[in-house]
Amino acid sequence: MYIHSPDGFGDPQPVARQPSLGIRKPPFLAFLKIDKFNVDQSALTPPLKQAVKHLADSVKASWKTMQPIGVIRLVGHTDSSGAEQHNIGLGNRRADAVRQELFAQLGGLLNRVAIQIDPSPGKSKPTADNRTAAGRAANRRVEVFVEPPFVAPPTKRPPTPWPWPVPDPDRDGPWDPFRFKRGMPDPLKGKTPREFLMDVCRKKFGSGICKTMVDRGLSLGCKGIEALFERLGGSVTSAQKEEIQRQCRGWADKPL
């Protein structure tokens, strides 16, 4: 089997052992050879198109398994006839012809599968004997290598600044209300609960939506008082609920 080594595609090359510094990327597995291109041609003949269709069908089927194919790499090769630079270009054109056919065959799966072309080695990596017609036909090929989908490492989001004007419990430990008696300024002193909540909200979200957020929060807090009375077995009339709301909103606007 042919694998992708650090030196490129083709025959497996010995790789020097290195100390393990982390998870190494697995090699690309040789999946298919699409061979017997016409001499000095890159166009796909009907048999070549059928081979590409087989490849596309295999990729589609892989997405119904636990090992989907997410990356396809194509490498075009030539036989020994022709100049080196000409053969390199010819090999690249053959790989591109396969890629274009894959685009047409895979359709909606293209948003999941990356198709890439590696530089052609031209005639320098034959797999068969160039002295025979059958060997030269086998060397006029595009090799297909596959690997699982690439998964980007998770990005680390910067921590959200602690918005409250009191110690951060994650950094400074649990909040101790008695610290205010030990020389720390009291963030509530002289402010109403509404003003305090507006200050905190602006530091986090800006002033645009804070009035709506604070009003809604205070309203829910007042509703909680009603729910507490009823949970304790009390019967709260509509008039009493309005009085609770009135007094609760009044408290929110009194300095502490």
Protein backbone atom coordinates (compact mmCIF):
# COMPACT_ATOMS: atom_id res chain seq x y z
CA MET A 1 0.00 0.00 0.00
CA TYR A 2 1.16 3.54 -0.71
CA ILE A 3 1.03 6.10 2.05
CA HIS A 4 1.76 9.77 2.45
CA SER A 5 5.07 10.27 4.16
CA PRO A 6 6.81 13.56 5.07
CA ASP A 7 8.65 13.30 1.75
CA GLY A 8 5.46 13.28 -0.35
CA PHE A 9 3.26 10.75 -2.05
CA GLY A 10 4.55 7.56 -3.58
CA ASP A 11 6.58 4.62 -2.26
CA PRO A 12 6.80 4.53 1.53
CA GLN A 13 9.96 6.17 2.79
CA PRO A 14 11.69 5.36 6.09
CA VAL A 15 10.93 8.01 8.65
CA ALA A 16 13.35 8.80 11.45
CA ARG A 17 11.90 8.18 14.89
CA GLN A 18 11.18 11.37 16.76
CA PRO A 19 10.31 11.99 20.39
CA SER A 20 6.59 12.10 20.99
CA LEU A 21 5.68 15.75 21.39
CA GLY A 22 1.95 15.29 20.94
CA ILE A 23 -0.54 13.60 18.67
CA ARG A 24 0.92 13.02 15.22
CA LYS A 25 -1.25 13.44 12.19
CA PRO A 26 -2.14 10.05 10.67
CA PRO A 27 -0.83 9.31 7.14
CA PHE A 28 -3.01 9.62 4.10
CA LEU A 29 -4.21 6.20 3.04
CA ALA A 30 -3.91 5.24 -0.62
CA PHE A 31 -7.50 4.67 -1.67
CA LEU A 32 -7.56 4.23 -5.42
CA LYS A 33 -5.55 4.44 -8.64
CA ILE A 34 -7.31 5.87 -11.67
CA ASP A 35 -5.06 4.72 -14.50
CA LYS A 36 -4.81 4.04 -18.21
CA PHE A 37 -5.07 7.65 -19.36
CA ASN A 38 -4.48 8.02 -23.09
CA VAL A 39 -0.94 8.88 -24.15
CA ASP A 40 -0.16 12.57 -23.60
CA GLN A 41 -3.83 13.21 -22.69
CA SER A 42 -5.58 14.41 -19.54
CA ALA A 43 -9.20 14.07 -20.69
CA LEU A 44 -11.30 11.45 -18.93
CA THR A 45 -12.43 8.56 -21.12
CA PRO A 46 -15.69 6.74 -20.23
CA PRO A 47 -13.82 4.07 -18.21
CA LEU A 48 -11.96 6.80 -16.30
CA LYS A 49 -15.22 8.63 -15.58
CA GLN A 50 -16.66 5.36 -14.27
CA ALA A 51 -13.67 5.02 -11.93
CA VAL A 52 -14.24 8.56 -10.63
CA LYS A 53 -17.93 7.73 -10.10
CA HIS A 54 -16.88 4.72 -8.03
CA LEU A 55 -14.71 7.03 -5.94
CA ALA A 56 -17.54 9.53 -5.45
CA ASP A 57 -19.97 6.76 -4.46
CA SER A 58 -17.48 5.49 -1.89
CA VAL A 59 -17.08 8.98 -0.41
CA LYS A 60 -20.86 9.39 -0.16
CA ALA A 61 -21.23 6.01 1.50
CA SER A 62 -18.49 6.83 4.02
CA TRP A 63 -20.62 9.63 5.46
CA LYS A 64 -23.13 7.03 6.61
CA THR A 65 -20.43 5.35 8.73
CA MET A 66 -18.30 6.32 11.72
CA GLN A 67 -15.29 6.95 9.42
CA PRO A 68 -16.27 9.55 6.82
CA ILE A 69 -13.84 10.74 4.18
CA GLY A 70 -13.26 14.45 4.65
CA VAL A 71 -10.14 15.14 2.56
CA ILE A 72 -9.22 13.81 -0.89
CA ARG A 73 -5.75 14.41 -2.28
CA LEU A 74 -4.98 13.76 -5.93
CA VAL A 75 -1.55 13.20 -7.48
CA GLY A 76 -1.14 12.86 -11.24
CA HIS A 77 1.61 10.71 -12.82
CA THR A 78 2.85 9.95 -16.34
CA ASP A 79 4.79 7.27 -18.12
CA SER A 80 8.44 7.71 -19.09
CA SER A 81 7.85 9.28 -22.50
CA GLY A 82 8.18 13.05 -22.89
CA ALA A 83 10.27 15.75 -21.26
CA GLU A 84 10.27 16.14 -17.47
CA GLN A 85 8.62 19.58 -17.26
CA HIS A 86 5.99 18.58 -19.81
CA ASN A 87 5.16 15.46 -17.79
CA ILE A 88 4.82 17.44 -14.56
CA GLY A 89 2.26 19.70 -16.21
CA LEU A 90 0.50 16.72 -17.76
CA GLY A 91 0.28 14.97 -14.37
CA ASN A 92 -1.23 18.08 -12.78
CA ARG A 93 -3.80 18.35 -15.60
CA ARG A 94 -4.82 14.74 -15.09
CA ALA A 95 -5.34 15.32 -11.36
CA ASP A 96 -7.37 18.44 -12.12
CA ALA A 97 -9.57 16.52 -14.57
CA VAL A 98 -10.36 14.03 -11.80
CA ARG A 99 -11.08 16.88 -9.40
CA GLN A 100 -13.49 18.56 -11.80
CA GLU A 101 -15.37 15.29 -12.29
CA LEU A 102 -15.53 14.82 -8.52
CA PHE A 103 -17.04 18.29 -8.18
CA ALA A 104 -19.81 17.22 -10.54
CA GLN A 105 -20.31 13.82 -8.85
CA LEU A 106 -20.28 14.86 -5.18
CA GLY A 107 -22.74 17.75 -5.48
CA GLY A 108 -24.04 18.85 -2.08
CA LEU A 109 -21.35 16.92 -0.22
CA LEU A 110 -18.70 19.41 -1.32
CA ASN A 111 -19.31 21.52 1.78
CA ARG A 112 -17.99 18.58 3.82
CA VAL A 113 -15.20 17.23 1.62
CA ALA A 114 -12.02 19.06 0.62
CA ILE A 115 -10.44 18.05 -2.69
CA GLN A 116 -6.80 19.02 -3.11
CA ILE A 117 -4.12 18.46 -5.74
CA ASP A 118 -0.53 17.76 -4.75
CA PRO A 119 2.27 18.70 -7.18
CA SER A 120 2.82 16.02 -9.78
CA PRO A 121 6.14 14.13 -9.75
CA GLY A 122 5.71 13.60 -13.50
CA LYS A 123 7.43 10.37 -14.59
CA SER A 124 9.72 10.03 -11.59
CA LYS A 125 7.57 7.60 -9.56
CA PRO A 126 6.44 4.73 -11.80
CA THR A 127 4.67 1.72 -10.32
CA ALA A 128 5.00 -0.50 -13.37
CA ASP A 129 7.60 -1.33 -16.02
CA ASN A 130 7.80 1.47 -18.60
CA ARG A 131 9.38 -0.95 -21.10
CA THR A 132 5.96 -2.52 -21.79
CA ALA A 133 2.76 -0.98 -23.13
CA ALA A 134 0.75 -2.34 -20.19
CA GLY A 135 3.27 -0.90 -17.71
CA ARG A 136 3.22 2.52 -19.33
CA ALA A 137 -0.60 2.52 -19.28
CA ALA A 138 -0.57 1.70 -15.56
CA ASN A 139 1.84 4.58 -14.94
CA ARG A 140 -0.45 7.07 -16.68
CA ARG A 141 -2.53 7.47 -13.53
CA VAL A 142 -3.96 9.66 -10.78
CA GLU A 143 -3.46 8.34 -7.28
CA VAL A 144 -6.17 9.09 -4.73
CA PHE A 145 -5.37 9.47 -1.03
CA VAL A 146 -7.96 10.05 1.66
CA GLU A 147 -8.17 11.03 5.31
CA PRO A 148 -10.93 11.86 7.83
CA PRO A 149 -12.42 15.35 8.04
CA PHE A 150 -10.13 18.01 9.41
CA VAL A 151 -11.24 19.19 12.85
CA ALA A 152 -9.91 22.58 13.89
CA PRO A 153 -8.74 22.83 17.50
CA PRO A 154 -11.16 24.72 19.72
CA THR A 155 -10.37 28.39 20.06
CA LYS A 156 -9.94 29.75 23.53
CA ARG A 157 -12.27 32.63 24.21
CA PRO A 158 -10.98 35.32 26.56
CA PRO A 159 -12.71 35.26 29.92
CA THR A 160 -15.55 37.72 30.35
CA PRO A 161 -14.53 40.47 32.77
CA TRP A 162 -16.28 40.29 36.11
CA PRO A 163 -18.84 43.13 35.88
CA TRP A 164 -19.77 43.58 39.49
CA PRO A 165 -18.06 46.21 41.68
CA VAL A 166 -17.46 43.51 44.28
CA PRO A 167 -14.71 40.87 44.44
CA ASP A 168 -14.70 38.21 41.74
CA PRO A 169 -15.66 34.92 43.49
CA ASP A 170 -13.58 32.90 41.01
CA ARG A 171 -10.48 34.96 41.73
CA ASP A 172 -10.92 36.41 45.20
CA GLY A 173 -13.03 33.69 46.82
CA PRO A 174 -16.61 33.91 48.09
CA TRP A 175 -17.95 37.39 48.53
CA ASP A 176 -17.75 38.56 52.14
CA PRO A 177 -20.28 41.33 52.81
CA PHE A 178 -18.30 42.34 55.89
CA ARG A 179 -15.38 43.43 53.69
CA PHE A 180 -17.20 46.72 53.31
CA LYS A 181 -16.54 47.24 57.02
CA ARG A 182 -12.86 46.62 56.47
CA GLY A 183 -12.12 49.61 54.30
CA MET A 184 -13.68 48.53 50.99
CA PRO A 185 -16.15 51.00 49.44
CA ASP A 186 -19.78 49.95 49.54
CA PRO A 187 -20.99 49.86 45.89
CA LEU A 188 -24.61 50.36 47.01
CA LYS A 189 -24.06 53.28 49.35
CA GLY A 190 -26.09 56.30 48.24
CA LYS A 191 -27.53 54.50 45.18
CA THR A 192 -30.92 53.02 44.53
CA PRO A 193 -31.11 49.36 43.52
CA ARG A 194 -32.20 50.53 40.07
CA GLU A 195 -29.13 52.80 39.73
CA PHE A 196 -26.84 50.04 40.93
CA LEU A 197 -28.26 47.55 38.44
CA MET A 198 -28.01 50.12 35.62
CA ASP A 199 -24.33 50.71 36.44
CA VAL A 200 -23.59 46.99 36.37
CA CYS A 201 -25.56 46.50 33.15
CA ARG A 202 -23.78 49.35 31.32
CA LYS A 203 -20.37 47.84 32.09
CA LYS A 204 -21.46 44.59 30.51
CA PHE A 205 -23.83 45.51 27.71
CA GLY A 206 -23.68 49.29 27.21
CA SER A 207 -26.54 51.64 27.88
CA GLY A 208 -28.70 50.85 24.85
CA ILE A 209 -30.72 47.96 26.25
CA CYS A 210 -30.05 48.28 29.96
CA LYS A 211 -33.22 50.18 30.89
CA THR A 212 -35.39 47.45 29.41
CA MET A 213 -33.32 44.71 31.05
CA VAL A 214 -33.35 46.35 34.50
CA ASP A 215 -37.08 47.14 34.36
CA ARG A 216 -37.83 43.55 33.40
CA GLY A 217 -35.57 42.20 36.13
CA LEU A 218 -37.16 44.36 38.81
CA SER A 219 -40.61 43.37 37.59
CA LEU A 220 -39.74 39.69 37.85
CA GLY A 221 -38.39 40.29 41.35
CA CYS A 222 -41.68 41.83 42.43
CA LYS A 223 -43.56 38.93 40.90
CA GLY A 224 -41.38 36.64 42.99
CA ILE A 225 -42.68 38.26 46.17
CA GLU A 226 -46.25 37.52 45.06
CA ALA A 227 -45.33 33.91 44.29
CA LEU A 228 -43.67 33.53 47.71
CA PHE A 229 -46.82 34.71 49.52
CA GLU A 230 -48.96 32.27 47.57
CA ARG A 231 -46.48 29.41 48.06
CA LEU A 232 -46.66 29.97 51.83
CA GLY A 233 -50.43 29.55 51.70
CA GLY A 234 -51.50 33.16 51.57
CA SER A 235 -54.35 34.42 49.45
CA VAL A 236 -53.36 37.52 47.51
CA THR A 237 -56.12 39.60 45.95
CA SER A 238 -55.70 41.71 42.83
CA ALA A 239 -55.62 44.87 44.92
CA GLN A 240 -52.95 43.38 47.17
CA LYS A 241 -50.89 42.38 44.12
CA GLU A 242 -51.03 45.95 42.82
CA GLU A 243 -49.96 47.23 46.24
CA ILE A 244 -47.05 44.77 46.32
CA GLN A 245 -45.96 45.94 42.86
CA ARG A 246 -46.24 49.60 43.88
CA GLN A 247 -44.22 49.18 47.05
CA CYS A 248 -41.66 46.97 45.32
CA ARG A 249 -41.07 49.53 42.55
CA GLY A 250 -40.88 52.27 45.18
CA TRP A 251 -38.20 50.33 47.05
CA ALA A 252 -36.17 49.96 43.86
CA ASP A 253 -35.96 53.76 43.53
CA LYS A 254 -34.92 54.54 47.15
CA PRO A 255 -31.26 55.11 47.97
CA LEU A 256 -29.61 52.55 50.21
